[in-house]
Amino acid sequence: MERRRVVVVAYHAAALLDIACVTSTLEDANWHGAAPYYEVRVATPGGQAVTSATGLVVQAQQSLERITGPLDTLVVSGGIGHEDAAANPLIVGHIRRLARESRRVASVCTGAYILAAAGLLDGRRATTHWQEAQTLATRFPEVTVDADPIFIRDGNVSTSAGVTAALDLTLAFVEEDNGTELARTVARNLVTYLQRPGNQAQMSMFVSAPAPANSLVKRTVEYIAAHLRDDLTTPALAAEAGVSERHLTRLFLKHLGLTPGRYVRQARTEAAAHLLASTSLPMASVAVRCGFGTAETLRQAFIDRYGIPPSRYRLTQAAG
């Protein structure tokens, strides 16, 4: 079986996990497959060793300038050095060149900046780490940036969110190339999911979002989290907070960017996702516990939030 040539591009201050998530997943596929499937090489400018963002040194296996196609997959790492890399005409030029000779092209996290600088994301949907999405969109207006998904595949170009999202994207590549069984084996060995849906939201509001600065909004958010089964309409929340509906809506929009109603729907959907992944409760029970009332209402909210029905989400979580 012909091995697929994969090149992972690194540079000074690239994130070590951005590199390792890709290389480790593909090498694990080689280890568990019937034959070697991937020939994985880390390439750097000049073939020089680079110091990663954590201070550890990464030895290159190839010089970026000397690589020629055809390649199966070209992956550009992210990291705090992405600004310098995206401004480096040598790096950008060779990535543009190699992209023309690659079956598929991908970036991890802020590696999207480098693809964008090479013009490879113009007219495409793309994602990156949620903290960097607005800056990416402002700097490259020809790119349609979506901060929500874990990864996005637009044609033969894929972009992924921060760090471990590279696992999800690389597992999707392994599954596409070699089938579900090998991808499932690799996922089990890496103790990860096979695989979180690409359009699953990057952040869970229960673990990632900072507490609202406004004390009234903070109290209301805490109340919502503790009373998902109760009446959480805007009038009920306003009465609980002791303010008018108009004032509560204004505060939510200012501090959370959402109306109270949209925040409640999102909170209930996130809670349902947690129950679907961690319990075997029937769908109707999950719906009731999270305040949706019926399984159909939960289903509609879930599709709006994640792009897939809750039954499919539960299967992807269990598959790892």
Protein backbone atom coordinates (compact mmCIF):
# COMPACT_ATOMS: atom_id res chain seq x y z
CA MET A 1 0.00 0.00 0.00
CA GLU A 2 1.35 3.42 -0.96
CA ARG A 3 2.02 5.64 2.04
CA ARG A 4 0.41 9.03 2.22
CA ARG A 5 2.94 11.87 2.50
CA VAL A 6 2.02 14.28 5.28
CA VAL A 7 4.01 17.42 6.07
CA VAL A 8 3.44 19.32 9.32
CA VAL A 9 4.89 22.83 9.18
CA ALA A 10 6.45 24.22 12.37
CA TYR A 11 8.24 27.48 13.13
CA HIS A 12 9.66 29.32 16.12
CA ALA A 13 7.12 29.60 18.97
CA ALA A 14 4.72 27.15 17.35
CA ALA A 15 2.57 25.26 19.85
CA LEU A 16 4.01 21.84 20.63
CA LEU A 17 0.55 20.31 21.07
CA ASP A 18 -0.53 21.66 17.69
CA ILE A 19 2.28 19.64 16.15
CA ALA A 20 2.04 16.55 18.35
CA CYS A 21 -1.73 16.11 18.10
CA VAL A 22 -1.39 15.63 14.36
CA THR A 23 1.81 13.58 14.28
CA SER A 24 0.84 11.33 17.19
CA THR A 25 -2.58 10.55 15.76
CA LEU A 26 -1.20 9.62 12.34
CA GLU A 27 1.67 7.57 13.76
CA ASP A 28 -0.81 5.75 15.98
CA ALA A 29 -2.80 4.93 12.85
CA ASN A 30 0.39 3.48 11.35
CA TRP A 31 1.00 1.43 14.49
CA HIS A 32 -2.47 -0.12 14.59
CA GLY A 33 -3.05 -0.53 10.87
CA ALA A 34 -2.20 -3.57 8.76
CA ALA A 35 0.39 -1.51 6.86
CA PRO A 36 2.01 1.91 7.22
CA TYR A 37 -0.52 4.45 6.01
CA TYR A 38 1.25 7.77 6.61
CA GLU A 39 4.75 9.08 6.10
CA VAL A 40 4.76 12.00 8.52
CA ARG A 41 7.46 14.67 8.45
CA VAL A 42 7.90 17.90 10.41
CA ALA A 43 9.26 20.69 8.21
CA THR A 44 10.71 24.03 9.27
CA PRO A 45 12.30 26.98 7.47
CA GLY A 46 15.81 25.90 6.52
CA GLY A 47 15.25 22.54 8.19
CA GLN A 48 16.44 24.13 11.42
CA ALA A 49 15.38 23.10 14.91
CA VAL A 50 12.74 25.45 16.31
CA THR A 51 11.96 26.38 19.88
CA SER A 52 8.30 25.73 20.59
CA ALA A 53 6.07 28.09 22.55
CA THR A 54 6.70 26.00 25.68
CA GLY A 55 10.47 26.27 25.31
CA LEU A 56 11.03 22.69 24.15
CA VAL A 57 13.08 22.27 20.99
CA VAL A 58 11.57 20.52 17.96
CA GLN A 59 13.98 18.93 15.50
CA ALA A 60 12.95 19.22 11.87
CA GLN A 61 12.96 16.23 9.56
CA GLN A 62 12.81 18.27 6.38
CA SER A 63 13.48 21.76 5.09
CA LEU A 64 10.33 23.60 4.05
CA GLU A 65 12.15 25.00 1.03
CA ARG A 66 13.27 21.59 -0.27
CA ILE A 67 9.93 19.77 -0.08
CA THR A 68 8.29 18.99 -3.39
CA GLY A 69 4.94 17.44 -4.16
CA PRO A 70 2.78 15.67 -4.62
CA LEU A 71 1.73 15.61 -0.97
CA ASP A 72 -1.30 13.98 0.53
CA THR A 73 -1.76 16.44 3.38
CA LEU A 74 -0.15 19.74 4.35
CA VAL A 75 -0.80 20.87 7.93
CA VAL A 76 0.25 24.28 9.30
CA SER A 77 0.65 24.52 13.07
CA GLY A 78 -0.50 27.40 15.23
CA GLY A 79 1.11 29.01 18.25
CA ILE A 80 2.16 32.38 19.62
CA GLY A 81 4.68 32.65 16.79
CA HIS A 82 1.94 32.72 14.16
CA GLU A 83 2.15 36.49 13.67
CA ASP A 84 5.82 36.35 12.69
CA ALA A 85 5.23 33.28 10.54
CA ALA A 86 2.31 34.90 8.69
CA ALA A 87 4.50 37.94 8.03
CA ASN A 88 7.39 35.83 6.73
CA PRO A 89 7.28 35.78 2.90
CA LEU A 90 9.44 32.65 2.77
CA ILE A 91 7.07 30.62 4.94
CA VAL A 92 3.93 31.98 3.30
CA GLY A 93 5.31 31.54 -0.21
CA HIS A 94 6.32 27.93 0.28
CA ILE A 95 3.01 27.05 1.93
CA ARG A 96 1.21 28.60 -1.03
CA ARG A 97 3.41 26.55 -3.37
CA LEU A 98 2.95 23.28 -1.49
CA ALA A 99 -0.80 23.81 -1.20
CA ARG A 100 -1.03 23.60 -4.99
CA GLU A 101 0.71 20.21 -4.80
CA SER A 102 -1.36 18.80 -1.90
CA ARG A 103 -4.56 16.78 -1.94
CA ARG A 104 -5.72 18.56 1.18
CA VAL A 105 -4.49 21.46 3.30
CA ALA A 106 -5.20 22.11 6.97
CA SER A 107 -4.32 24.41 9.83
CA VAL A 108 -4.41 24.02 13.57
CA CYS A 109 -5.54 26.93 15.73
CA THR A 110 -3.79 30.18 14.69
CA GLY A 111 -2.15 28.41 11.78
CA ALA A 112 -5.24 29.76 10.00
CA TYR A 113 -3.52 33.16 9.92
CA ILE A 114 -0.73 31.67 7.80
CA LEU A 115 -3.16 30.00 5.40
CA ALA A 116 -5.05 33.29 5.17
CA ALA A 117 -1.83 35.22 4.48
CA ALA A 118 -1.16 32.78 1.63
CA GLY A 119 -4.62 33.52 0.19
CA LEU A 120 -5.75 29.96 0.75
CA LEU A 121 -8.81 30.91 2.81
CA ASP A 122 -10.19 33.64 0.54
CA GLY A 123 -13.85 32.94 -0.17
CA ARG A 124 -13.93 30.07 2.31
CA ARG A 125 -15.40 29.44 5.74
CA ALA A 126 -12.72 28.98 8.38
CA THR A 127 -12.28 28.73 12.12
CA THR A 128 -9.50 29.26 14.62
CA HIS A 129 -9.17 29.50 18.39
CA TRP A 130 -12.21 31.41 19.62
CA GLN A 131 -10.04 34.12 21.19
CA GLU A 132 -8.44 34.88 17.82
CA ALA A 133 -11.50 34.68 15.58
CA GLN A 134 -12.44 38.36 15.57
CA THR A 135 -8.88 39.46 14.83
CA LEU A 136 -8.61 36.95 11.99
CA ALA A 137 -11.90 38.17 10.51
CA THR A 138 -10.83 41.81 10.73
CA ARG A 139 -7.41 41.24 9.23
CA PHE A 140 -8.63 39.01 6.39
CA PRO A 141 -12.08 40.26 5.32
CA GLU A 142 -12.20 37.83 2.36
CA VAL A 143 -12.38 34.95 4.84
CA THR A 144 -15.72 33.98 6.42
CA VAL A 145 -14.63 33.30 9.99
CA ASP A 146 -16.89 31.19 12.22
CA ALA A 147 -15.65 31.05 15.82
CA ASP A 148 -18.04 28.33 16.91
CA PRO A 149 -17.06 24.98 15.33
CA ILE A 150 -14.22 22.73 16.43
CA PHE A 151 -13.19 22.38 12.81
CA ILE A 152 -14.45 23.37 9.39
CA ARG A 153 -13.82 21.59 6.09
CA ASP A 154 -14.39 23.78 3.04
CA GLY A 155 -13.42 21.92 -0.10
CA ASN A 156 -9.91 20.55 0.31
CA VAL A 157 -8.98 23.14 2.95
CA SER A 158 -9.66 22.48 6.63
CA THR A 159 -9.18 24.72 9.65
CA SER A 160 -9.47 23.72 13.30
CA ALA A 161 -9.91 25.44 16.62
CA GLY A 162 -7.38 25.54 19.42
CA VAL A 163 -4.91 22.81 20.30
CA THR A 164 -6.76 19.51 20.94
CA ALA A 165 -9.28 20.24 18.18
CA ALA A 166 -6.45 19.01 15.96
CA LEU A 167 -7.17 15.53 17.34
CA ASP A 168 -10.73 15.71 16.08
CA LEU A 169 -9.70 16.93 12.65
CA THR A 170 -6.90 14.37 12.28
CA LEU A 171 -9.20 11.54 13.37
CA ALA A 172 -11.64 12.71 10.70
CA PHE A 173 -8.81 12.43 8.17
CA VAL A 174 -7.94 8.91 9.37
CA GLU A 175 -11.58 7.86 9.12
CA GLU A 176 -11.90 9.34 5.63
CA ASP A 177 -8.72 7.62 4.44
CA ASN A 178 -8.99 4.24 6.15
CA GLY A 179 -12.49 3.74 7.51
CA THR A 180 -14.23 4.01 10.85
CA GLU A 181 -12.71 0.93 12.46
CA LEU A 182 -9.11 2.16 12.36
CA ALA A 183 -10.17 5.65 13.42
CA ARG A 184 -12.09 4.16 16.34
CA THR A 185 -9.05 2.11 17.39
CA VAL A 186 -6.81 5.17 17.30
CA ALA A 187 -9.34 7.21 19.27
CA ARG A 188 -9.54 4.55 21.97
CA ASN A 189 -5.76 4.38 22.20
CA LEU A 190 -5.55 8.17 22.53
CA VAL A 191 -8.41 8.12 25.07
CA THR A 192 -10.41 10.63 23.09
CA TYR A 193 -13.75 10.78 21.31
CA LEU A 194 -14.35 9.45 17.82
CA GLN A 195 -15.06 12.09 17.06
CA ARG A 196 -16.60 15.26 18.34
CA PRO A 197 -18.64 16.67 15.47
CA GLY A 198 -16.77 19.36 13.60
CA ASN A 199 -19.60 21.79 14.19
CA GLN A 200 -19.72 21.20 17.93
CA ALA A 201 -19.23 24.50 19.74
CA GLN A 202 -15.68 25.23 20.90
CA MET A 203 -16.68 26.50 24.31
CA SER A 204 -18.98 25.25 27.02
CA MET A 205 -20.46 28.15 28.89
CA PHE A 206 -20.12 26.19 32.11
CA VAL A 207 -16.33 25.87 31.93
CA SER A 208 -14.99 28.53 29.59
CA ALA A 209 -16.85 31.79 29.84
CA PRO A 210 -15.78 34.24 32.54
CA ALA A 211 -18.35 35.25 35.12
CA PRO A 212 -20.25 38.39 34.09
CA ALA A 213 -18.81 41.54 35.64
CA ASN A 214 -22.26 42.84 36.50
CA SER A 215 -23.45 41.40 39.82
CA LEU A 216 -27.12 41.29 38.81
CA VAL A 217 -26.35 39.42 35.58
CA LYS A 218 -24.03 37.09 37.50
CA ARG A 219 -26.77 36.25 40.02
CA THR A 220 -29.30 35.71 37.23
CA VAL A 221 -26.95 33.41 35.32
CA GLU A 222 -26.33 31.38 38.48
CA TYR A 223 -30.09 31.20 39.05
CA ILE A 224 -30.63 29.94 35.49
CA ALA A 225 -28.01 27.21 35.89
CA ALA A 226 -29.64 26.00 39.09
CA HIS A 227 -33.25 26.16 37.85
CA LEU A 228 -33.23 24.86 34.29
CA ARG A 229 -36.55 23.02 34.79
CA ASP A 230 -38.34 26.10 36.08
CA ASP A 231 -40.04 29.03 34.36
CA LEU A 232 -37.15 30.99 32.87
CA THR A 233 -39.06 33.33 30.62
CA THR A 234 -37.83 36.91 30.57
CA PRO A 235 -40.74 38.14 32.74
CA ALA A 236 -40.01 35.42 35.33
CA LEU A 237 -36.28 36.21 35.37
CA ALA A 238 -36.92 39.93 35.62
CA ALA A 239 -39.24 39.35 38.58
CA GLU A 240 -36.62 37.15 40.24
CA ALA A 241 -33.97 39.84 39.71
CA GLY A 242 -36.24 42.65 40.82
CA VAL A 243 -35.88 44.72 37.64
CA SER A 244 -37.94 45.42 34.54
CA GLU A 245 -37.81 43.08 31.54
CA ARG A 246 -36.36 45.89 29.44
CA HIS A 247 -33.57 46.58 31.94
CA LEU A 248 -32.70 42.88 32.28
CA THR A 249 -32.53 42.47 28.49
CA ARG A 250 -30.29 45.53 28.21
CA LEU A 251 -27.90 44.16 30.85
CA PHE A 252 -27.77 40.70 29.23
CA LEU A 253 -27.01 42.18 25.83
CA LYS A 254 -24.31 44.42 27.27
CA HIS A 255 -22.55 41.78 29.37
CA LEU A 256 -23.30 38.51 27.55
CA GLY A 257 -24.17 39.55 24.03
CA LEU A 258 -27.43 37.58 24.25
CA THR A 259 -31.00 38.28 25.24
CA PRO A 260 -32.18 36.44 28.37
CA GLY A 261 -34.27 34.11 26.22
CA ARG A 262 -31.37 33.15 23.96
CA TYR A 263 -29.08 32.67 26.93
CA VAL A 264 -31.58 30.34 28.60
CA ARG A 265 -31.97 28.28 25.42
CA GLN A 266 -28.18 28.01 25.11
CA ALA A 267 -27.77 27.06 28.78
CA ARG A 268 -30.39 24.34 28.49
CA THR A 269 -28.84 22.98 25.30
CA GLU A 270 -25.37 22.88 26.87
CA ALA A 271 -26.76 21.08 29.91
CA ALA A 272 -28.52 18.57 27.66
CA ALA A 273 -25.25 17.94 25.80
CA HIS A 274 -23.55 17.16 29.11
CA LEU A 275 -26.28 14.69 30.11
CA LEU A 276 -26.28 13.02 26.69
CA ALA A 277 -22.52 12.49 26.89
CA SER A 278 -22.37 11.36 30.51
CA THR A 279 -25.61 9.40 31.12
CA SER A 280 -27.87 6.88 29.42
CA LEU A 281 -31.04 8.77 30.32
CA PRO A 282 -33.80 8.52 27.69
CA MET A 283 -34.12 11.55 25.42
CA ALA A 284 -37.44 12.52 26.96
CA SER A 285 -35.91 12.54 30.46
CA VAL A 286 -33.00 14.68 29.30
CA ALA A 287 -35.47 17.12 27.76
CA VAL A 288 -37.48 17.41 30.96
CA ARG A 289 -34.44 17.79 33.21
CA CYS A 290 -33.09 20.61 31.08
CA GLY A 291 -36.36 22.48 30.79
CA PHE A 292 -37.31 21.69 27.20
CA GLY A 293 -40.46 19.81 28.08
CA THR A 294 -40.44 17.49 25.07
CA ALA A 295 -37.82 15.56 23.14
CA GLU A 296 -38.83 17.36 19.94
CA THR A 297 -38.19 20.77 21.49
CA LEU A 298 -34.78 19.52 22.63
CA ARG A 299 -34.09 18.18 19.15
CA GLN A 300 -34.79 21.51 17.48
CA ALA A 301 -32.65 23.43 19.97
CA PHE A 302 -29.83 20.94 19.55
CA ILE A 303 -29.82 21.20 15.77
CA ASP A 304 -29.80 24.99 16.01
CA ARG A 305 -26.84 24.91 18.41
CA TYR A 306 -24.74 22.00 17.14
CA GLY A 307 -26.01 21.29 13.65
CA ILE A 308 -26.83 17.66 14.47
CA PRO A 309 -29.69 15.96 16.35
CA PRO A 310 -29.10 14.91 19.97
CA SER A 311 -29.24 11.21 19.07
CA ARG A 312 -26.31 11.63 16.68
CA TYR A 313 -24.41 13.69 19.26
CA ARG A 314 -24.81 10.94 21.86
CA LEU A 315 -23.45 8.34 19.43
CA THR A 316 -20.35 10.42 18.66
CA GLN A 317 -19.63 10.82 22.37
CA ALA A 318 -20.07 7.13 23.09
CA ALA A 319 -17.91 6.09 20.14
CA GLY A 320 -14.65 7.12 21.77
